[in-house]
């Protein structure tokens, strides 16, 4: 009898107790995991909104600091100074500045947008001549769903119009007229949030002074 009592006195969990623990863990996971994923998505949206606002400030300051134009024979070229007499204005003595933003201009159609987005996504190793210090900036959704693994954070393109999102997971820089540029930030849609398509986060418009 002493041996039987020793066996019965061993501590442990019953099957019912284990099932209860597993059920509790499952319930907690079902609550915590969606919250964690939602927190990550909120963080990604915050990143792209802040990037759009930062580019608005950068481009507005840059445009106002020096009046620039594009090279007519080379639309992909960097912007150049056109205020040749340094009087703070572009006149007939200098040249026209409208084509800096003009969608259908004879100069570079997206000169301002292309120059800025190109500078923010420069994959060339730092130290090479003419290379931007910040290196390649990619989307916070890079590699998720339709967002390419190396999708640039900033992209130059065509304005989707007020109320419409731009390319999914990116900050779109697009000329909207003779002297304005729209900055549109969009989510990654089903690759990040639960929406069927990319959502419009913010839309800002800057103009030359």
N, C-alpha and C. Protein backbone atom coordinates (compact mmCIF):
# COMPACT_ATOMS: atom_id res chain seq x y z
N UNK A 1 0.82 -1.22 0.00
CA UNK A 1 0.00 0.00 0.00
C UNK A 1 0.85 1.26 0.00
N UNK A 2 2.01 1.17 0.67
CA UNK A 2 2.88 2.35 0.71
C UNK A 2 3.36 2.73 -0.68
N UNK A 3 3.66 1.72 -1.54
CA UNK A 3 4.11 2.01 -2.90
C UNK A 3 3.03 2.63 -3.73
N UNK A 4 1.79 2.15 -3.59
CA UNK A 4 0.66 2.71 -4.34
C UNK A 4 0.40 4.15 -3.94
N UNK A 5 0.51 4.44 -2.66
CA UNK A 5 0.30 5.80 -2.18
C UNK A 5 1.34 6.75 -2.76
N UNK A 6 2.57 6.28 -2.89
CA UNK A 6 3.65 7.12 -3.44
C UNK A 6 3.36 7.49 -4.88
N UNK A 7 2.80 6.55 -5.65
CA UNK A 7 2.47 6.83 -7.05
C UNK A 7 1.35 7.85 -7.14
N UNK A 8 0.34 7.69 -6.34
CA UNK A 8 -0.81 8.59 -6.38
C UNK A 8 -0.48 10.00 -5.91
N UNK A 9 0.59 10.15 -5.14
CA UNK A 9 0.96 11.46 -4.60
C UNK A 9 1.76 12.31 -5.58
N UNK A 10 2.12 11.78 -6.74
CA UNK A 10 2.90 12.55 -7.73
C UNK A 10 2.07 13.72 -8.26
N UNK A 11 2.74 14.90 -8.36
CA UNK A 11 2.05 16.10 -8.84
C UNK A 11 2.04 16.15 -10.36
N UNK A 12 1.07 16.85 -10.96
CA UNK A 12 0.99 17.00 -12.40
C UNK A 12 -0.32 17.66 -12.80
N UNK A 13 -0.47 17.87 -14.14
CA UNK A 13 -1.68 18.49 -14.66
C UNK A 13 -2.57 17.43 -15.29
N UNK A 14 -3.82 17.56 -15.11
CA UNK A 14 -4.76 16.66 -15.77
C UNK A 14 -4.99 17.15 -17.20
N UNK A 15 -5.56 16.30 -18.02
CA UNK A 15 -5.84 16.67 -19.41
C UNK A 15 -6.79 17.86 -19.47
N UNK A 16 -7.76 17.90 -18.59
CA UNK A 16 -8.71 19.02 -18.56
C UNK A 16 -8.00 20.33 -18.27
N UNK A 17 -7.08 20.28 -17.31
CA UNK A 17 -6.34 21.49 -16.95
C UNK A 17 -5.49 21.99 -18.12
N UNK A 18 -4.84 21.06 -18.82
CA UNK A 18 -4.03 21.44 -19.98
C UNK A 18 -4.89 22.05 -21.08
N UNK A 19 -6.06 21.48 -21.31
CA UNK A 19 -6.96 22.01 -22.34
C UNK A 19 -7.43 23.41 -21.97
N UNK A 20 -7.66 23.64 -20.69
CA UNK A 20 -8.08 24.97 -20.25
C UNK A 20 -6.98 25.99 -20.49
N UNK A 21 -5.73 25.61 -20.18
CA UNK A 21 -4.59 26.50 -20.40
C UNK A 21 -4.43 26.82 -21.88
N UNK A 22 -4.53 25.79 -22.73
CA UNK A 22 -4.41 26.00 -24.18
C UNK A 22 -5.52 26.93 -24.68
N UNK A 23 -6.72 26.75 -24.17
CA UNK A 23 -7.85 27.60 -24.59
C UNK A 23 -7.61 29.05 -24.18
N UNK A 24 -7.08 29.25 -22.97
CA UNK A 24 -6.80 30.62 -22.50
C UNK A 24 -5.74 31.27 -23.37
N UNK A 25 -4.68 30.51 -23.68
CA UNK A 25 -3.61 31.04 -24.55
C UNK A 25 -4.17 31.42 -25.92
N UNK A 26 -5.05 30.57 -26.45
CA UNK A 26 -5.66 30.85 -27.76
C UNK A 26 -6.49 32.12 -27.74
N UNK A 27 -7.23 32.31 -26.66
CA UNK A 27 -8.06 33.52 -26.54
C UNK A 27 -7.19 34.77 -26.46
N UNK A 28 -6.14 34.70 -25.64
CA UNK A 28 -5.23 35.84 -25.50
C UNK A 28 -4.54 36.16 -26.83
N UNK A 29 -4.14 35.10 -27.56
CA UNK A 29 -3.47 35.31 -28.85
C UNK A 29 -4.42 35.95 -29.85
N UNK A 30 -5.69 35.52 -29.84
CA UNK A 30 -6.66 36.08 -30.78
C UNK A 30 -6.92 37.55 -30.53
N UNK A 31 -6.67 37.99 -29.30
CA UNK A 31 -6.84 39.41 -28.96
C UNK A 31 -5.57 40.19 -29.23
N UNK A 32 -4.42 39.62 -28.85
CA UNK A 32 -3.15 40.34 -28.92
C UNK A 32 -2.59 40.46 -30.33
N UNK A 33 -2.67 39.37 -31.12
CA UNK A 33 -2.04 39.38 -32.45
C UNK A 33 -2.67 40.42 -33.38
N UNK A 34 -4.00 40.49 -33.51
CA UNK A 34 -4.57 41.56 -34.36
C UNK A 34 -4.18 42.95 -33.88
N UNK A 35 -4.12 43.12 -32.54
CA UNK A 35 -3.72 44.41 -32.01
C UNK A 35 -2.29 44.76 -32.38
N UNK A 36 -1.41 43.75 -32.36
CA UNK A 36 0.00 43.96 -32.72
C UNK A 36 0.12 44.31 -34.19
N UNK A 37 -0.61 43.56 -35.04
CA UNK A 37 -0.58 43.83 -36.48
C UNK A 37 -1.13 45.22 -36.76
N UNK A 38 -2.21 45.58 -36.07
CA UNK A 38 -2.79 46.91 -36.25
C UNK A 38 -1.83 48.00 -35.83
N UNK A 39 -1.06 47.74 -34.78
CA UNK A 39 -0.07 48.71 -34.32
C UNK A 39 1.03 48.90 -35.35
N UNK A 40 1.47 47.81 -35.98
CA UNK A 40 2.49 47.90 -37.03
C UNK A 40 1.97 48.70 -38.21
N UNK A 41 0.72 48.45 -38.60
CA UNK A 41 0.15 49.15 -39.74
C UNK A 41 0.01 50.64 -39.45
N UNK A 42 -0.40 50.95 -38.23
CA UNK A 42 -0.52 52.35 -37.83
C UNK A 42 0.83 53.04 -37.88
N UNK A 43 1.88 52.32 -37.49
CA UNK A 43 3.23 52.87 -37.52
C UNK A 43 3.68 53.13 -38.95
N UNK A 44 3.38 52.20 -39.87
CA UNK A 44 3.76 52.38 -41.28
C UNK A 44 3.04 53.59 -41.88
N UNK A 45 1.77 53.73 -41.57
CA UNK A 45 1.01 54.87 -42.09
C UNK A 45 1.58 56.18 -41.54
N UNK A 46 1.98 56.16 -40.28
CA UNK A 46 2.57 57.34 -39.68
C UNK A 46 3.87 57.72 -40.38
N UNK A 47 4.67 56.71 -40.73
CA UNK A 47 5.95 56.95 -41.42
C UNK A 47 5.72 57.64 -42.76
N UNK A 48 4.76 57.14 -43.54
CA UNK A 48 4.57 57.69 -44.88
C UNK A 48 3.92 59.07 -44.83
N UNK A 49 3.07 59.32 -43.83
CA UNK A 49 2.47 60.65 -43.67
C UNK A 49 3.54 61.66 -43.29
N UNK A 50 4.42 61.29 -42.36
CA UNK A 50 5.50 62.18 -41.95
C UNK A 50 6.47 62.44 -43.10
N UNK A 51 6.72 61.42 -43.92
CA UNK A 51 7.60 61.59 -45.07
C UNK A 51 7.01 62.59 -46.06
N UNK A 52 5.69 62.50 -46.28
CA UNK A 52 5.03 63.45 -47.17
C UNK A 52 5.12 64.87 -46.66
N UNK A 53 4.90 65.05 -45.37
CA UNK A 53 4.97 66.40 -44.78
C UNK A 53 6.39 66.95 -44.82
N UNK A 54 7.37 66.07 -44.61
CA UNK A 54 8.77 66.50 -44.66
C UNK A 54 9.14 66.94 -46.07
N UNK A 55 8.67 66.18 -47.08
CA UNK A 55 8.98 66.54 -48.46
C UNK A 55 8.30 67.84 -48.85
N UNK A 56 7.11 68.09 -48.29
CA UNK A 56 6.42 69.36 -48.56
C UNK A 56 7.29 70.53 -48.09
N UNK A 57 7.82 70.40 -46.88
CA UNK A 57 8.67 71.45 -46.33
C UNK A 57 9.96 71.59 -47.12
N UNK A 58 10.58 70.44 -47.45
CA UNK A 58 11.84 70.45 -48.21
C UNK A 58 11.67 71.13 -49.56
N UNK A 59 10.65 70.70 -50.31
CA UNK A 59 10.47 71.22 -51.66
C UNK A 59 10.08 72.69 -51.66
N UNK A 60 9.23 73.08 -50.72
CA UNK A 60 8.82 74.48 -50.66
C UNK A 60 10.02 75.37 -50.36
N UNK A 61 10.84 74.97 -49.42
CA UNK A 61 12.03 75.74 -49.07
C UNK A 61 13.01 75.77 -50.23
N UNK A 62 13.20 74.62 -50.86
CA UNK A 62 14.14 74.51 -51.97
C UNK A 62 13.70 75.37 -53.16
N UNK A 63 12.41 75.30 -53.48
CA UNK A 63 11.89 76.07 -54.61
C UNK A 63 12.01 77.56 -54.36
N UNK A 64 11.75 77.97 -53.12
CA UNK A 64 11.80 79.40 -52.80
C UNK A 64 13.22 79.92 -52.63
N UNK A 65 14.17 79.03 -52.31
CA UNK A 65 15.53 79.48 -52.05
C UNK A 65 16.26 79.88 -53.32
N UNK A 66 15.90 79.30 -54.43
CA UNK A 66 16.54 79.64 -55.70
C UNK A 66 15.59 79.29 -56.84
N UNK A 67 15.42 80.19 -57.75
CA UNK A 67 14.53 79.94 -58.89
C UNK A 67 15.27 79.06 -59.88
N UNK A 68 14.69 77.92 -60.19
CA UNK A 68 15.40 76.92 -60.99
C UNK A 68 14.60 76.54 -62.23
N UNK A 69 15.28 75.94 -63.18
CA UNK A 69 14.63 75.48 -64.39
C UNK A 69 15.28 74.20 -64.87
N UNK A 70 14.71 73.56 -65.88
CA UNK A 70 15.25 72.31 -66.39
C UNK A 70 15.96 72.56 -67.72
N UNK A 71 16.78 71.59 -68.11
CA UNK A 71 17.51 71.70 -69.37
C UNK A 71 16.61 71.22 -70.51
N UNK A 72 16.26 72.08 -71.49
CA UNK A 72 15.32 71.70 -72.55
C UNK A 72 15.73 70.46 -73.32
N UNK A 73 17.04 70.28 -73.54
CA UNK A 73 17.50 69.16 -74.35
C UNK A 73 17.71 67.89 -73.54
N UNK A 74 17.56 67.98 -72.23
CA UNK A 74 17.79 66.81 -71.38
C UNK A 74 16.81 66.82 -70.21
N UNK A 75 15.57 66.33 -70.41
CA UNK A 75 14.54 66.38 -69.36
C UNK A 75 14.93 65.68 -68.06
N UNK A 76 15.86 64.73 -68.13
CA UNK A 76 16.24 63.99 -66.93
C UNK A 76 17.34 64.69 -66.14
N UNK A 77 17.85 65.79 -66.68
CA UNK A 77 18.95 66.49 -66.02
C UNK A 77 18.49 67.15 -64.73
N UNK A 78 19.44 67.41 -63.86
CA UNK A 78 19.11 68.10 -62.62
C UNK A 78 18.69 69.53 -62.92
N UNK A 79 17.97 70.14 -62.00
CA UNK A 79 17.53 71.52 -62.19
C UNK A 79 18.73 72.46 -62.12
N UNK A 80 18.64 73.55 -62.84
CA UNK A 80 19.74 74.52 -62.88
C UNK A 80 19.22 75.90 -62.50
N UNK A 81 20.14 76.77 -62.10
CA UNK A 81 19.76 78.14 -61.78
C UNK A 81 19.38 78.89 -63.06
N UNK A 82 18.29 79.65 -63.00
CA UNK A 82 17.91 80.44 -64.17
C UNK A 82 17.80 81.93 -63.85
N UNK A 83 17.94 82.27 -62.58
CA UNK A 83 17.93 83.68 -62.18
C UNK A 83 19.35 84.22 -62.36
N UNK A 84 19.71 84.51 -63.59
CA UNK A 84 21.10 84.83 -63.91
C UNK A 84 21.60 86.15 -63.33
N UNK A 85 20.69 87.10 -63.09
CA UNK A 85 21.15 88.38 -62.55
C UNK A 85 20.94 88.47 -61.03
N UNK A 86 20.48 87.37 -60.41
CA UNK A 86 20.35 87.27 -58.96
C UNK A 86 19.51 88.39 -58.34
N UNK A 87 18.44 88.75 -59.04
CA UNK A 87 17.56 89.78 -58.49
C UNK A 87 16.33 89.18 -57.81
N UNK A 88 16.30 87.86 -57.68
CA UNK A 88 15.20 87.19 -57.00
C UNK A 88 13.98 86.96 -57.87
N UNK A 89 14.07 87.27 -59.15
CA UNK A 89 12.94 87.07 -60.06
C UNK A 89 13.44 86.63 -61.43
N UNK A 90 12.60 85.89 -62.12
CA UNK A 90 12.93 85.47 -63.48
C UNK A 90 12.19 86.38 -64.45
N UNK A 91 12.92 87.08 -65.27
CA UNK A 91 12.32 88.00 -66.24
C UNK A 91 12.76 87.59 -67.64
N UNK A 92 12.37 88.40 -68.62
CA UNK A 92 12.75 88.11 -70.00
C UNK A 92 14.26 88.11 -70.17
N UNK A 93 14.94 88.85 -69.30
CA UNK A 93 16.40 88.86 -69.35
C UNK A 93 16.95 87.49 -69.00
N UNK A 94 16.27 86.79 -68.13
CA UNK A 94 16.71 85.44 -67.74
C UNK A 94 16.03 84.42 -68.66
N UNK A 95 14.98 83.82 -68.21
CA UNK A 95 14.18 82.91 -69.03
C UNK A 95 12.93 82.56 -68.25
N UNK A 96 12.02 81.85 -68.85
CA UNK A 96 10.78 81.52 -68.16
C UNK A 96 10.99 80.41 -67.14
N UNK A 97 10.27 80.50 -66.04
CA UNK A 97 10.36 79.48 -64.99
C UNK A 97 9.13 78.58 -64.96
N UNK A 98 8.14 78.85 -65.83
CA UNK A 98 6.90 78.09 -65.78
C UNK A 98 7.11 76.60 -66.00
N UNK A 99 8.06 76.26 -66.86
CA UNK A 99 8.24 74.85 -67.19
C UNK A 99 8.84 74.03 -66.07
N UNK A 100 9.19 74.69 -64.97
CA UNK A 100 9.65 73.94 -63.81
C UNK A 100 8.54 73.01 -63.32
N UNK A 101 7.29 73.47 -63.43
CA UNK A 101 6.16 72.69 -62.95
C UNK A 101 5.22 72.23 -64.06
N UNK A 102 5.32 72.84 -65.22
CA UNK A 102 4.34 72.62 -66.28
C UNK A 102 4.31 71.17 -66.75
N UNK A 103 3.14 70.55 -66.67
CA UNK A 103 3.00 69.15 -67.09
C UNK A 103 3.32 68.98 -68.56
N UNK A 104 2.91 69.93 -69.38
CA UNK A 104 3.10 69.83 -70.83
C UNK A 104 4.20 70.74 -71.34
N UNK A 105 5.05 71.22 -70.46
CA UNK A 105 6.08 72.17 -70.85
C UNK A 105 7.14 71.58 -71.77
N UNK A 106 7.82 72.45 -72.49
CA UNK A 106 8.88 72.01 -73.38
C UNK A 106 10.09 71.52 -72.60
N UNK A 107 10.27 72.06 -71.38
CA UNK A 107 11.35 71.58 -70.54
C UNK A 107 10.90 70.30 -69.85
N UNK A 108 11.59 69.87 -68.81
CA UNK A 108 11.24 68.62 -68.13
C UNK A 108 9.85 68.69 -67.51
N UNK A 109 9.00 67.74 -67.87
CA UNK A 109 7.62 67.74 -67.38
C UNK A 109 7.55 67.61 -65.86
N UNK A 110 8.37 66.76 -65.30
CA UNK A 110 8.34 66.55 -63.86
C UNK A 110 9.68 66.93 -63.23
N UNK A 111 10.25 68.04 -63.71
CA UNK A 111 11.61 68.40 -63.29
C UNK A 111 11.77 68.44 -61.77
N UNK A 112 10.91 69.16 -61.10
CA UNK A 112 11.03 69.29 -59.65
C UNK A 112 10.81 67.95 -58.96
N UNK A 113 9.77 67.24 -59.37
CA UNK A 113 9.44 65.96 -58.74
C UNK A 113 10.52 64.92 -59.00
N UNK A 114 11.01 64.86 -60.24
CA UNK A 114 12.04 63.88 -60.59
C UNK A 114 13.33 64.14 -59.85
N UNK A 115 13.70 65.41 -59.74
CA UNK A 115 14.95 65.75 -59.07
C UNK A 115 14.88 65.37 -57.60
N UNK A 116 13.78 65.71 -56.95
CA UNK A 116 13.64 65.42 -55.52
C UNK A 116 13.56 63.92 -55.25
N UNK A 117 12.69 63.22 -55.99
CA UNK A 117 12.53 61.79 -55.75
C UNK A 117 13.81 61.04 -56.07
N UNK A 118 14.53 61.49 -57.11
CA UNK A 118 15.79 60.85 -57.46
C UNK A 118 16.85 61.02 -56.39
N UNK A 119 16.87 62.21 -55.77
CA UNK A 119 17.85 62.47 -54.72
C UNK A 119 17.55 61.65 -53.46
N UNK A 120 16.26 61.38 -53.21
CA UNK A 120 15.88 60.63 -52.01
C UNK A 120 16.03 59.13 -52.20
N UNK A 121 16.17 58.68 -53.46
CA UNK A 121 16.36 57.24 -53.71
C UNK A 121 17.60 57.07 -54.56
N UNK A 122 18.74 57.10 -53.92
CA UNK A 122 20.02 56.98 -54.61
C UNK A 122 20.74 55.78 -54.03
N UNK A 123 20.73 54.67 -54.78
CA UNK A 123 21.30 53.43 -54.28
C UNK A 123 22.82 53.35 -54.45
N UNK A 124 23.42 54.35 -55.11
CA UNK A 124 24.87 54.34 -55.30
C UNK A 124 25.57 54.50 -53.95
N UNK A 125 26.63 53.72 -53.69
CA UNK A 125 27.33 53.82 -52.41
C UNK A 125 27.78 55.24 -52.11
N UNK A 126 27.64 55.64 -50.86
CA UNK A 126 28.06 56.97 -50.45
C UNK A 126 29.55 57.14 -50.69
N UNK A 127 29.94 58.30 -51.16
CA UNK A 127 31.34 58.57 -51.44
C UNK A 127 31.59 58.78 -52.92
N UNK A 128 30.68 58.25 -53.77
CA UNK A 128 30.83 58.45 -55.20
C UNK A 128 30.46 59.90 -55.53
N UNK A 129 31.03 60.39 -56.60
CA UNK A 129 30.79 61.78 -56.99
C UNK A 129 29.32 62.04 -57.23
N UNK A 130 28.80 63.09 -56.63
CA UNK A 130 27.42 63.49 -56.87
C UNK A 130 26.37 62.64 -56.20
N UNK A 131 26.75 61.81 -55.26
CA UNK A 131 25.80 60.91 -54.60
C UNK A 131 25.21 61.56 -53.36
N UNK A 132 23.90 61.43 -53.20
CA UNK A 132 23.24 61.98 -52.02
C UNK A 132 23.64 61.17 -50.78
N UNK A 133 23.71 61.84 -49.64
CA UNK A 133 24.17 61.19 -48.41
C UNK A 133 23.15 60.22 -47.83
N UNK A 134 21.86 60.46 -48.06
CA UNK A 134 20.84 59.68 -47.36
C UNK A 134 20.67 58.27 -47.90
N UNK A 135 21.17 57.98 -49.08
CA UNK A 135 21.05 56.64 -49.63
C UNK A 135 19.64 56.31 -50.09
N UNK A 136 19.40 55.04 -50.37
CA UNK A 136 18.11 54.61 -50.91
C UNK A 136 17.06 54.53 -49.81
N UNK A 137 16.00 55.32 -49.95
CA UNK A 137 14.90 55.30 -48.99
C UNK A 137 13.75 54.49 -49.58
N UNK A 138 13.36 53.43 -48.90
CA UNK A 138 12.30 52.57 -49.40
C UNK A 138 11.02 52.73 -48.59
N UNK A 139 9.92 52.26 -49.18
CA UNK A 139 8.61 52.34 -48.54
C UNK A 139 8.57 51.50 -47.27
N UNK A 140 7.80 51.93 -46.26
CA UNK A 140 7.66 51.11 -45.04
C UNK A 140 6.95 49.79 -45.31
N UNK A 141 6.27 49.68 -46.47
CA UNK A 141 5.60 48.43 -46.86
C UNK A 141 6.42 47.64 -47.87
N UNK A 142 7.66 48.02 -48.12
CA UNK A 142 8.49 47.36 -49.14
C UNK A 142 8.50 45.85 -48.93
N UNK A 143 8.18 45.11 -50.01
CA UNK A 143 8.18 43.66 -49.95
C UNK A 143 6.87 43.04 -49.52
N UNK A 144 5.86 43.87 -49.21
CA UNK A 144 4.56 43.35 -48.79
C UNK A 144 3.56 43.42 -49.94
N UNK A 145 2.93 42.31 -50.25
CA UNK A 145 1.93 42.22 -51.31
C UNK A 145 2.46 42.78 -52.63
N UNK A 146 1.79 43.78 -53.20
CA UNK A 146 2.20 44.33 -54.49
C UNK A 146 3.31 45.37 -54.37
N UNK A 147 3.67 45.74 -53.15
CA UNK A 147 4.74 46.73 -52.95
C UNK A 147 6.08 46.03 -53.13
N UNK A 148 6.83 46.44 -54.15
CA UNK A 148 8.10 45.78 -54.49
C UNK A 148 9.08 45.81 -53.33
N UNK A 149 9.99 44.83 -53.27
CA UNK A 149 10.97 44.77 -52.18
C UNK A 149 11.81 46.03 -52.02
N UNK A 150 12.08 46.71 -53.13
CA UNK A 150 12.87 47.94 -53.08
C UNK A 150 12.06 49.14 -53.56
N UNK A 151 10.76 49.13 -53.29
CA UNK A 151 9.90 50.24 -53.72
C UNK A 151 10.37 51.54 -53.10
N UNK A 152 10.67 52.57 -53.93
CA UNK A 152 11.12 53.85 -53.38
C UNK A 152 10.05 54.48 -52.50
N UNK A 153 10.47 55.18 -51.47
CA UNK A 153 9.53 55.90 -50.62
C UNK A 153 8.89 57.04 -51.40
N UNK A 154 9.69 57.72 -52.24
CA UNK A 154 9.20 58.84 -53.05
C UNK A 154 9.20 58.45 -54.53
N UNK A 155 8.16 58.87 -55.25
CA UNK A 155 8.08 58.58 -56.67
C UNK A 155 7.46 59.78 -57.39
N UNK A 156 7.99 60.09 -58.57
CA UNK A 156 7.43 61.16 -59.40
C UNK A 156 6.43 60.54 -60.37
N UNK A 157 5.31 61.22 -60.60
CA UNK A 157 4.31 60.67 -61.50
C UNK A 157 3.21 61.64 -61.83
N UNK A 158 2.06 61.10 -62.22
CA UNK A 158 0.91 61.90 -62.65
C UNK A 158 -0.07 62.07 -61.49
N UNK A 159 -0.58 63.25 -61.32
CA UNK A 159 -1.52 63.55 -60.24
C UNK A 159 -2.80 62.74 -60.41
N UNK A 160 -3.23 61.97 -59.40
CA UNK A 160 -4.45 61.18 -59.51
C UNK A 160 -5.72 62.01 -59.34
N UNK A 161 -5.57 63.27 -58.93
CA UNK A 161 -6.72 64.12 -58.72
C UNK A 161 -7.13 64.17 -57.25
N UNK A 162 -7.76 65.25 -56.86
CA UNK A 162 -8.17 65.43 -55.47
C UNK A 162 -9.08 64.30 -55.00
N UNK A 163 -8.82 63.79 -53.82
CA UNK A 163 -9.65 62.73 -53.25
C UNK A 163 -9.25 61.33 -53.64
N UNK A 164 -8.30 61.19 -54.55
CA UNK A 164 -7.87 59.87 -55.01
C UNK A 164 -6.48 59.53 -54.49
N UNK A 165 -6.24 58.24 -54.16
CA UNK A 165 -4.91 57.86 -53.71
C UNK A 165 -3.93 57.80 -54.86
N UNK A 166 -2.65 57.88 -54.54
CA UNK A 166 -1.61 57.73 -55.55
C UNK A 166 -1.16 56.29 -55.58
N UNK A 167 0.04 56.01 -56.08
CA UNK A 167 0.56 54.65 -56.10
C UNK A 167 0.59 54.07 -54.68
N UNK A 168 0.19 52.82 -54.55
CA UNK A 168 0.17 52.19 -53.23
C UNK A 168 1.54 52.20 -52.57
N UNK A 169 1.56 52.48 -51.29
CA UNK A 169 2.73 52.39 -50.40
C UNK A 169 3.79 53.45 -50.64
N UNK A 170 3.47 54.51 -51.40
CA UNK A 170 4.49 55.51 -51.72
C UNK A 170 4.01 56.95 -51.54
N UNK A 171 4.99 57.87 -51.56
CA UNK A 171 4.71 59.30 -51.56
C UNK A 171 4.85 59.77 -53.00
N UNK A 172 3.75 60.21 -53.60
CA UNK A 172 3.75 60.66 -54.99
C UNK A 172 3.99 62.16 -55.08
N UNK A 173 4.91 62.56 -55.95
CA UNK A 173 5.16 63.97 -56.24
C UNK A 173 4.72 64.21 -57.67
N UNK A 174 3.71 65.05 -57.87
CA UNK A 174 3.16 65.23 -59.21
C UNK A 174 2.78 66.68 -59.49
N UNK A 175 3.23 67.23 -60.64
CA UNK A 175 2.82 68.58 -61.00
C UNK A 175 1.32 68.62 -61.29
N UNK A 176 0.66 69.68 -60.86
CA UNK A 176 -0.78 69.79 -61.08
C UNK A 176 -1.15 70.98 -61.94
N UNK A 177 -0.19 71.79 -62.32
CA UNK A 177 -0.47 72.96 -63.13
C UNK A 177 0.80 73.70 -63.45
N UNK A 178 0.67 74.96 -63.82
CA UNK A 178 1.82 75.75 -64.25
C UNK A 178 2.80 76.03 -63.12
N UNK A 179 2.32 76.08 -61.87
CA UNK A 179 3.22 76.43 -60.77
C UNK A 179 2.93 75.70 -59.48
N UNK A 180 2.31 74.53 -59.56
CA UNK A 180 1.99 73.77 -58.35
C UNK A 180 2.40 72.30 -58.46
N UNK A 181 2.72 71.72 -57.33
CA UNK A 181 3.07 70.30 -57.25
C UNK A 181 2.27 69.67 -56.11
N UNK A 182 1.62 68.55 -56.39
CA UNK A 182 0.86 67.83 -55.36
C UNK A 182 1.75 66.76 -54.73
N UNK A 183 1.62 66.61 -53.42
CA UNK A 183 2.33 65.56 -52.69
C UNK A 183 1.27 64.66 -52.09
N UNK A 184 1.17 63.43 -52.58
CA UNK A 184 0.10 62.51 -52.20
C UNK A 184 0.68 61.28 -51.51
N UNK A 185 0.22 61.00 -50.29
CA UNK A 185 0.67 59.80 -49.58
C UNK A 185 -0.45 58.78 -49.55
N UNK A 186 -0.09 57.51 -49.78
CA UNK A 186 -1.10 56.44 -49.85
C UNK A 186 -0.64 55.20 -49.09
N UNK A 187 -1.60 54.45 -48.56
CA UNK A 187 -1.30 53.21 -47.85
C UNK A 187 -1.06 52.09 -48.86
N UNK A 188 -0.84 50.87 -48.34
CA UNK A 188 -0.57 49.73 -49.21
C UNK A 188 -1.80 48.87 -49.46
N UNK A 189 -2.96 49.32 -49.00
CA UNK A 189 -4.18 48.55 -49.25
C UNK A 189 -4.12 47.17 -48.63
N UNK A 190 -4.49 46.12 -49.39
CA UNK A 190 -4.53 44.75 -48.84
C UNK A 190 -3.17 44.22 -48.42
N UNK A 191 -2.09 44.86 -48.87
CA UNK A 191 -0.77 44.41 -48.45
C UNK A 191 -0.41 44.88 -47.06
N UNK A 192 -1.24 45.75 -46.48
CA UNK A 192 -0.94 46.24 -45.15
C UNK A 192 -2.20 46.33 -44.32
N UNK A 193 -3.14 47.14 -44.77
CA UNK A 193 -4.41 47.29 -44.05
C UNK A 193 -5.46 46.36 -44.67
N UNK A 194 -6.67 46.44 -44.17
CA UNK A 194 -7.72 45.53 -44.65
C UNK A 194 -8.52 46.07 -45.82
N UNK A 195 -8.19 47.26 -46.29
CA UNK A 195 -8.95 47.84 -47.40
C UNK A 195 -8.66 47.11 -48.70
N UNK A 196 -9.60 47.19 -49.63
CA UNK A 196 -9.44 46.50 -50.91
C UNK A 196 -8.36 47.13 -51.78
N UNK A 197 -8.09 48.40 -51.59
CA UNK A 197 -7.08 49.10 -52.38
C UNK A 197 -6.35 50.12 -51.54
N UNK A 198 -5.40 50.79 -52.15
CA UNK A 198 -4.62 51.81 -51.44
C UNK A 198 -5.54 52.93 -50.95
N UNK A 199 -5.29 53.41 -49.76
CA UNK A 199 -6.08 54.49 -49.18
C UNK A 199 -5.30 55.80 -49.26
N UNK A 200 -6.03 56.89 -49.54
CA UNK A 200 -5.41 58.21 -49.53
C UNK A 200 -5.15 58.61 -48.09
N UNK A 201 -3.90 58.88 -47.76
CA UNK A 201 -3.54 59.31 -46.41
C UNK A 201 -3.60 60.84 -46.32
N UNK A 202 -2.79 61.50 -47.13
CA UNK A 202 -2.78 62.97 -47.14
C UNK A 202 -2.56 63.47 -48.57
N UNK A 203 -2.98 64.70 -48.81
CA UNK A 203 -2.73 65.38 -50.08
C UNK A 203 -2.37 66.83 -49.77
N UNK A 204 -1.20 67.24 -50.20
CA UNK A 204 -0.73 68.61 -49.98
C UNK A 204 -0.30 69.19 -51.32
N UNK A 205 -0.48 70.48 -51.50
CA UNK A 205 -0.10 71.14 -52.75
C UNK A 205 0.81 72.32 -52.42
N UNK A 206 1.96 72.38 -53.08
CA UNK A 206 2.87 73.50 -52.89
C UNK A 206 2.94 74.30 -54.18
N UNK A 207 3.30 75.56 -54.06
CA UNK A 207 3.37 76.44 -55.23
C UNK A 207 4.62 77.30 -55.16
N UNK A 208 5.15 77.64 -56.32
CA UNK A 208 6.30 78.54 -56.36
C UNK A 208 5.83 79.94 -55.97
N UNK A 209 6.68 80.66 -55.30
CA UNK A 209 6.33 82.00 -54.84
C UNK A 209 6.74 83.04 -55.86
